[in-house]
Amino acid sequence: MVQDTVLEVINLRKYFQFGRRAVLKAVDDLTFSVNKGEVFGLVGESGCGKTTVGRTIVGLYSPTGGRIVYGGKDTAGLHGAAVKRFKRRMQIIFQDPYASLDPRMTVGDIIGEALDIHGLARGRERLARIHDLLNVVGLSAEHANRFPHEFSGGQRQRIGIARALAVDPEFIVADEPISALDVSIQAQVVNLLSRLREERGLTYIFIAHDLAMVKHLSDNVGVMYLGRLVELAPSAELYRNPVHPYTQGLLSAIPIPDPRIERERKRIVLEGEVPSPVNPPRGCRFQTRCRHAKPVCREEDPKLKPVAPGHLVACHLF
């Protein structure tokens, strides 16, 4: 294991059983690693399995197969107190700031619940830590006595971030933390996450479908399609030289602020619908929407292979 690698996801699979025979392969044979202090961006269309990856890594879902190694230890082998210690080291920020906060609890109780579970503070110290966390995320101490419905979407997401920070974690899975927010609020939340990374030495998996925002925040990026990684590269390399036809299509959809360039550039339109993960196509899963599909794409499943230092792609074209 590389010295600064904090998380290794090895051949991860997560399947959901529907009825007696139907199996939804939400995540199918995923492998990547995250180094300490970096932001790993995980991108792809809605339904590609990004959220399932994040929830499986933090332990909200049990993996169907594969391994998740954190800090050199396989998380599948953790039991009892070891699971509790792992939960303290790794936290999650949920996508929906409206559904992820209990409407019957005050903000102080929402944040303080984590302190209670892990026995980190009591009485005045507990209240002081709650107020400090609210200040860290740009809210004030007086907000501790209010309920979630009294806040805007951006403020609720800040509360969710404060809850994740309550146990002083070292790794955070940010599951599309800005997708439900207005554009101006998105920038505030991203800047907050960047500041917390610098101040607290945090490591992130940043899940999103907004590739422009991922470029701004991430060090390395993995592109997912129908439960699998199709491209993996450093952020600058991926945006400068996208190789997989799916990645090229996603990047082509990012608008350019210059109207002249935007009018003249050639867009790559991804036609067709994403196949069902219950019955994925044989061979390459992208072949039903790919302009460059060859006979081999319909027969053989491509594996990730290097096309440049640190740049991997799963495509028969390369």
Protein backbone atom coordinates (compact mmCIF):
# COMPACT_ATOMS: atom_id res chain seq x y z
CA MET A 1 0.00 0.00 0.00
CA VAL A 2 1.36 3.39 -0.98
CA GLN A 3 2.38 5.40 2.07
CA ASP A 4 0.01 8.34 1.57
CA THR A 5 -2.94 6.28 0.33
CA VAL A 6 -5.72 6.51 2.93
CA LEU A 7 -8.51 4.68 1.05
CA GLU A 8 -8.44 1.78 -1.39
CA VAL A 9 -11.59 0.56 -3.11
CA ILE A 10 -10.87 -2.82 -4.70
CA ASN A 11 -13.29 -4.55 -7.11
CA LEU A 12 -16.24 -3.09 -5.20
CA ARG A 13 -19.68 -4.45 -6.06
CA LYS A 14 -23.06 -3.45 -4.67
CA TYR A 15 -26.14 -5.26 -5.99
CA PHE A 16 -29.76 -4.82 -4.94
CA GLN A 17 -32.16 -7.74 -5.16
CA PHE A 18 -35.67 -7.10 -6.49
CA GLY A 19 -38.02 -10.05 -6.22
CA ARG A 20 -36.60 -13.49 -6.80
CA ARG A 21 -34.53 -12.94 -9.93
CA ALA A 22 -34.08 -9.24 -10.72
CA VAL A 23 -30.72 -7.90 -9.56
CA LEU A 24 -29.80 -4.23 -9.95
CA LYS A 25 -26.02 -3.90 -10.34
CA ALA A 26 -25.64 -0.38 -8.95
CA VAL A 27 -21.86 -0.70 -8.55
CA ASP A 28 -20.00 -3.37 -10.47
CA ASP A 29 -16.26 -4.03 -10.08
CA LEU A 30 -15.02 -0.56 -9.08
CA THR A 31 -11.35 0.04 -8.18
CA PHE A 32 -9.67 3.31 -7.21
CA SER A 33 -7.65 4.86 -4.38
CA VAL A 34 -7.62 8.19 -2.56
CA ASN A 35 -4.50 9.79 -1.12
CA LYS A 36 -4.43 11.65 2.17
CA GLY A 37 -5.36 15.33 1.85
CA GLU A 38 -6.68 15.13 -1.72
CA VAL A 39 -10.12 15.60 -3.22
CA PHE A 40 -11.20 12.69 -5.40
CA GLY A 41 -14.03 13.69 -7.74
CA LEU A 42 -16.56 11.05 -8.76
CA VAL A 43 -18.73 12.14 -11.68
CA GLY A 44 -21.33 10.76 -14.05
CA GLU A 45 -24.96 10.99 -15.06
CA SER A 46 -27.75 10.50 -12.53
CA GLY A 47 -28.26 6.81 -11.81
CA CYS A 48 -24.70 5.74 -12.62
CA GLY A 49 -24.04 4.56 -9.04
CA LYS A 50 -22.08 7.48 -7.58
CA THR A 51 -24.19 7.83 -4.44
CA THR A 52 -24.21 4.07 -3.88
CA VAL A 53 -20.39 4.10 -3.96
CA GLY A 54 -20.26 6.83 -1.33
CA ARG A 55 -22.80 5.19 0.97
CA THR A 56 -21.08 1.82 0.69
CA ILE A 57 -17.68 3.33 1.54
CA VAL A 58 -18.99 4.95 4.76
CA GLY A 59 -20.82 1.77 5.76
CA LEU A 60 -24.44 2.75 5.15
CA TYR A 61 -24.64 -0.12 2.66
CA SER A 62 -22.91 -3.48 2.99
CA PRO A 63 -20.87 -4.33 -0.14
CA THR A 64 -21.95 -7.32 -2.20
CA GLY A 65 -18.33 -8.03 -3.07
CA GLY A 66 -14.87 -6.51 -3.20
CA ARG A 67 -12.92 -4.72 -0.49
CA ILE A 68 -12.82 -1.30 1.12
CA VAL A 69 -9.50 -0.68 2.84
CA TYR A 70 -9.23 2.42 5.03
CA GLY A 71 -6.05 3.27 6.89
CA GLY A 72 -4.63 -0.13 5.98
CA LYS A 73 -7.58 -2.06 7.47
CA ASP A 74 -10.34 -3.87 5.60
CA THR A 75 -13.58 -2.30 6.84
CA ALA A 76 -15.43 -5.61 6.39
CA GLY A 77 -13.42 -7.01 9.28
CA LEU A 78 -14.41 -4.30 11.75
CA HIS A 79 -16.74 -5.19 14.61
CA GLY A 80 -18.05 -3.58 17.78
CA ALA A 81 -15.98 -0.66 19.04
CA ALA A 82 -13.81 -0.73 15.90
CA VAL A 83 -16.85 0.14 13.76
CA LYS A 84 -17.58 3.11 16.03
CA ARG A 85 -14.00 4.35 15.72
CA PHE A 86 -14.19 4.00 11.93
CA LYS A 87 -17.46 5.99 11.84
CA ARG A 88 -15.74 8.79 13.71
CA ARG A 89 -12.88 8.93 11.21
CA MET A 90 -15.15 8.99 8.15
CA GLN A 91 -18.34 11.03 7.76
CA ILE A 92 -20.80 11.86 4.96
CA ILE A 93 -22.53 15.04 3.78
CA PHE A 94 -25.84 14.10 2.20
CA GLN A 95 -27.18 15.44 -1.07
CA ASP A 96 -30.58 16.74 0.03
CA PRO A 97 -30.36 19.41 2.76
CA TYR A 98 -34.14 19.23 3.18
CA ALA A 99 -34.50 15.47 3.77
CA SER A 100 -31.25 14.79 5.65
CA LEU A 101 -32.10 16.85 8.77
CA ASP A 102 -34.69 15.65 11.32
CA PRO A 103 -37.46 18.32 11.30
CA ARG A 104 -38.37 17.54 14.92
CA MET A 105 -34.90 18.27 16.29
CA THR A 106 -33.28 21.63 16.89
CA VAL A 107 -30.04 22.40 15.10
CA GLY A 108 -28.18 22.10 18.39
CA ASP A 109 -29.52 18.59 18.95
CA ILE A 110 -28.81 17.56 15.33
CA ILE A 111 -25.15 18.52 15.70
CA GLY A 112 -24.89 17.45 19.32
CA GLU A 113 -26.25 13.96 18.63
CA ALA A 114 -22.90 12.90 17.19
CA LEU A 115 -21.12 14.24 20.27
CA ASP A 116 -23.48 12.22 22.48
CA ILE A 117 -23.10 8.97 20.51
CA HIS A 118 -19.30 9.12 20.64
CA GLY A 119 -19.15 10.54 24.19
CA LEU A 120 -17.07 13.53 23.13
CA ALA A 121 -18.61 16.31 25.23
CA ARG A 122 -21.23 17.03 27.87
CA GLY A 123 -22.96 20.01 29.43
CA ARG A 124 -21.34 23.36 28.81
CA GLU A 125 -18.51 21.84 26.78
CA ARG A 126 -21.07 20.22 24.47
CA LEU A 127 -22.89 23.51 23.96
CA ALA A 128 -19.62 25.36 23.36
CA ARG A 129 -18.58 22.83 20.69
CA ILE A 130 -21.96 23.15 18.96
CA HIS A 131 -21.64 26.93 18.88
CA ASP A 132 -18.06 26.66 17.61
CA LEU A 133 -19.11 24.31 14.79
CA LEU A 134 -21.88 26.68 13.75
CA ASN A 135 -19.37 29.52 13.58
CA VAL A 136 -17.00 27.38 11.52
CA VAL A 137 -19.65 26.85 8.82
CA GLY A 138 -20.74 30.50 8.74
CA LEU A 139 -23.75 30.38 11.07
CA SER A 140 -24.16 31.88 14.55
CA ALA A 141 -24.67 30.44 18.02
CA GLU A 142 -28.28 31.65 18.17
CA HIS A 143 -29.17 29.26 15.33
CA ALA A 144 -28.69 26.29 17.68
CA ASN A 145 -32.19 26.71 19.11
CA ARG A 146 -33.97 26.83 15.75
CA PHE A 147 -35.49 24.04 13.67
CA PRO A 148 -34.43 23.06 10.12
CA HIS A 149 -37.57 24.51 8.47
CA GLU A 150 -36.45 27.98 9.57
CA PHE A 151 -33.39 27.90 7.29
CA SER A 152 -32.72 28.25 3.58
CA GLY A 153 -31.28 25.39 1.52
CA GLY A 154 -27.75 26.75 1.72
CA GLN A 155 -27.99 27.20 5.49
CA ARG A 156 -29.32 23.66 5.89
CA GLN A 157 -26.39 22.30 3.95
CA ARG A 158 -24.06 24.21 6.27
CA ILE A 159 -25.80 22.52 9.19
CA GLY A 160 -25.19 19.18 7.50
CA ILE A 161 -21.51 20.05 7.14
CA ALA A 162 -21.33 21.07 10.82
CA ARG A 163 -22.89 17.72 11.78
CA ALA A 164 -20.25 15.88 9.72
CA LEU A 165 -17.47 17.89 11.39
CA ALA A 166 -18.79 17.31 14.92
CA VAL A 167 -16.70 14.17 15.52
CA ASP A 168 -13.57 15.74 14.01
CA PRO A 169 -13.29 13.31 11.06
CA GLU A 170 -10.32 13.00 8.72
CA PHE A 171 -12.26 11.79 5.65
CA ILE A 172 -15.57 13.11 4.28
CA VAL A 173 -17.75 11.74 1.48
CA ALA A 174 -19.57 14.76 0.03
CA ASP A 175 -22.53 13.30 -1.88
CA GLU A 176 -23.56 15.99 -4.38
CA PRO A 177 -23.62 18.60 -1.59
CA ILE A 178 -24.43 21.48 -3.97
CA SER A 179 -26.84 19.96 -6.50
CA ALA A 180 -29.98 21.17 -4.67
CA LEU A 181 -28.69 24.72 -4.16
CA ASP A 182 -28.81 27.96 -6.15
CA VAL A 183 -25.69 28.76 -8.17
CA SER A 184 -24.56 31.60 -5.89
CA ILE A 185 -24.98 29.38 -2.82
CA GLN A 186 -23.12 26.53 -4.55
CA ALA A 187 -19.99 28.67 -4.76
CA GLN A 188 -20.23 29.52 -1.05
CA VAL A 189 -20.51 25.87 -0.03
CA VAL A 190 -17.62 24.82 -2.31
CA ASN A 191 -15.43 27.61 -0.91
CA LEU A 192 -16.36 26.46 2.61
CA LEU A 193 -15.35 22.87 1.80
CA SER A 194 -12.05 24.10 0.31
CA ARG A 195 -11.31 26.18 3.40
CA LEU A 196 -12.08 23.30 5.75
CA ARG A 197 -9.79 21.06 3.72
CA GLU A 198 -6.89 23.47 4.24
CA GLU A 199 -7.61 24.22 7.90
CA ARG A 200 -8.37 20.68 9.07
CA GLY A 201 -6.35 18.57 6.63
CA LEU A 202 -9.46 16.79 5.38
CA THR A 203 -9.64 14.26 2.58
CA TYR A 204 -12.75 14.23 0.38
CA ILE A 205 -14.61 12.12 -2.10
CA PHE A 206 -16.61 14.77 -3.93
CA ILE A 207 -19.56 13.24 -5.79
CA ALA A 208 -21.18 15.41 -8.46
CA HIS A 209 -22.55 15.58 -11.98
CA ASP A 210 -21.40 19.20 -12.43
CA LEU A 211 -18.02 18.69 -14.11
CA ALA A 212 -17.16 22.38 -14.00
CA MET A 213 -17.37 22.38 -10.21
CA VAL A 214 -15.43 19.12 -9.96
CA LYS A 215 -12.63 20.68 -12.01
CA HIS A 216 -12.42 23.57 -9.55
CA LEU A 217 -12.19 21.36 -6.48
CA SER A 218 -10.72 17.94 -7.34
CA ASP A 219 -7.17 16.63 -7.63
CA ASN A 220 -8.14 13.35 -9.33
CA VAL A 221 -11.38 12.45 -11.10
CA GLY A 222 -13.12 9.16 -11.79
CA VAL A 223 -15.86 9.05 -14.43
CA MET A 224 -18.63 6.49 -13.85
CA TYR A 225 -21.07 4.98 -16.31
CA LEU A 226 -23.68 2.38 -15.39
CA GLY A 227 -21.91 1.20 -12.24
CA ARG A 228 -18.36 1.17 -13.61
CA LEU A 229 -15.39 3.48 -13.95
CA VAL A 230 -14.72 4.31 -17.59
CA GLU A 231 -11.94 6.86 -17.06
CA LEU A 232 -9.64 7.84 -14.21
CA ALA A 233 -7.08 10.65 -14.32
CA PRO A 234 -5.65 13.71 -12.57
CA SER A 235 -8.12 16.57 -12.90
CA ALA A 236 -5.97 18.76 -15.15
CA GLU A 237 -5.16 15.82 -17.44
CA LEU A 238 -8.79 14.71 -17.72
CA TYR A 239 -10.07 18.14 -18.69
CA ARG A 240 -7.21 18.76 -21.11
CA ASN A 241 -7.27 15.35 -22.74
CA PRO A 242 -10.53 13.41 -22.23
CA VAL A 243 -10.17 10.04 -23.93
CA HIS A 244 -13.35 8.04 -23.39
CA PRO A 245 -16.26 9.05 -25.71
CA TYR A 246 -18.53 9.31 -22.66
CA THR A 247 -16.15 11.69 -20.88
CA GLN A 248 -15.84 13.77 -24.04
CA GLY A 249 -19.62 14.06 -24.21
CA LEU A 250 -19.91 15.12 -20.58
CA LEU A 251 -17.22 17.79 -20.95
CA SER A 252 -18.82 19.02 -24.17
CA ALA A 253 -21.97 19.83 -22.19
CA ILE A 254 -20.15 22.36 -19.98
CA PRO A 255 -21.10 25.87 -21.20
CA ILE A 256 -18.29 28.30 -22.04
CA PRO A 257 -18.75 31.88 -20.75
CA ASP A 258 -17.52 33.44 -24.03
CA PRO A 259 -20.59 33.67 -26.36
CA ARG A 260 -18.47 33.62 -29.54
CA ILE A 261 -16.60 30.47 -28.57
CA GLU A 262 -19.81 28.85 -27.33
CA ARG A 263 -21.54 29.47 -30.68
CA GLU A 264 -18.66 28.18 -32.78
CA ARG A 265 -17.61 25.08 -30.87
CA LYS A 266 -18.83 21.65 -31.89
CA ARG A 267 -20.95 19.91 -29.29
CA ILE A 268 -20.84 16.15 -28.72
CA VAL A 269 -24.40 15.04 -28.06
CA LEU A 270 -24.87 11.73 -26.28
CA GLU A 271 -27.92 10.17 -27.89
CA GLY A 272 -30.14 7.43 -26.52
CA GLU A 273 -31.02 6.38 -22.99
CA VAL A 274 -28.82 4.84 -20.32
CA PRO A 275 -29.45 1.06 -20.33
CA SER A 276 -31.04 -0.56 -17.29
CA PRO A 277 -28.55 -1.66 -14.60
CA VAL A 278 -30.83 -4.67 -14.09
CA ASN A 279 -30.04 -5.84 -17.63
CA PRO A 280 -26.85 -4.09 -18.83
CA PRO A 281 -25.71 -4.67 -22.42
CA ARG A 282 -23.11 -7.28 -23.24
CA GLY A 283 -19.56 -6.05 -23.78
CA CYS A 284 -18.95 -2.35 -23.26
CA ARG A 285 -21.85 -0.82 -21.37
CA PHE A 286 -21.53 2.42 -23.33
CA GLN A 287 -21.65 0.79 -26.77
CA THR A 288 -25.40 1.43 -27.22
CA ARG A 289 -24.73 5.22 -27.18
CA CYS A 290 -21.23 5.39 -28.63
CA ARG A 291 -20.58 6.86 -32.09
CA HIS A 292 -17.35 4.85 -32.41
CA ALA A 293 -18.63 1.42 -31.35
CA LYS A 294 -16.96 -1.54 -33.11
CA PRO A 295 -17.94 -5.23 -33.18
CA VAL A 296 -15.51 -5.96 -30.34
CA CYS A 297 -17.35 -3.42 -28.15
CA ARG A 298 -20.46 -5.60 -28.33
CA GLU A 299 -18.61 -8.74 -27.33
CA GLU A 300 -15.82 -7.92 -24.86
CA ASP A 301 -15.96 -5.89 -21.67
CA PRO A 302 -13.10 -3.31 -21.75
CA LYS A 303 -10.79 -3.08 -18.73
CA LEU A 304 -9.10 0.02 -17.37
CA LYS A 305 -5.68 0.44 -18.94
CA PRO A 306 -3.15 3.30 -18.97
CA VAL A 307 -3.01 5.78 -21.86
CA ALA A 308 -0.72 8.25 -20.04
CA PRO A 309 0.94 8.42 -16.60
CA GLY A 310 -1.89 8.21 -14.07
CA HIS A 311 -4.53 8.28 -16.82
CA LEU A 312 -6.62 5.10 -17.19
CA VAL A 313 -9.45 4.40 -19.61
CA ALA A 314 -11.78 1.44 -20.24
CA CYS A 315 -12.30 1.58 -24.01
CA HIS A 316 -11.48 -0.72 -26.95
CA LEU A 317 -10.49 2.31 -29.03
CA PHE A 318 -7.25 2.57 -27.07
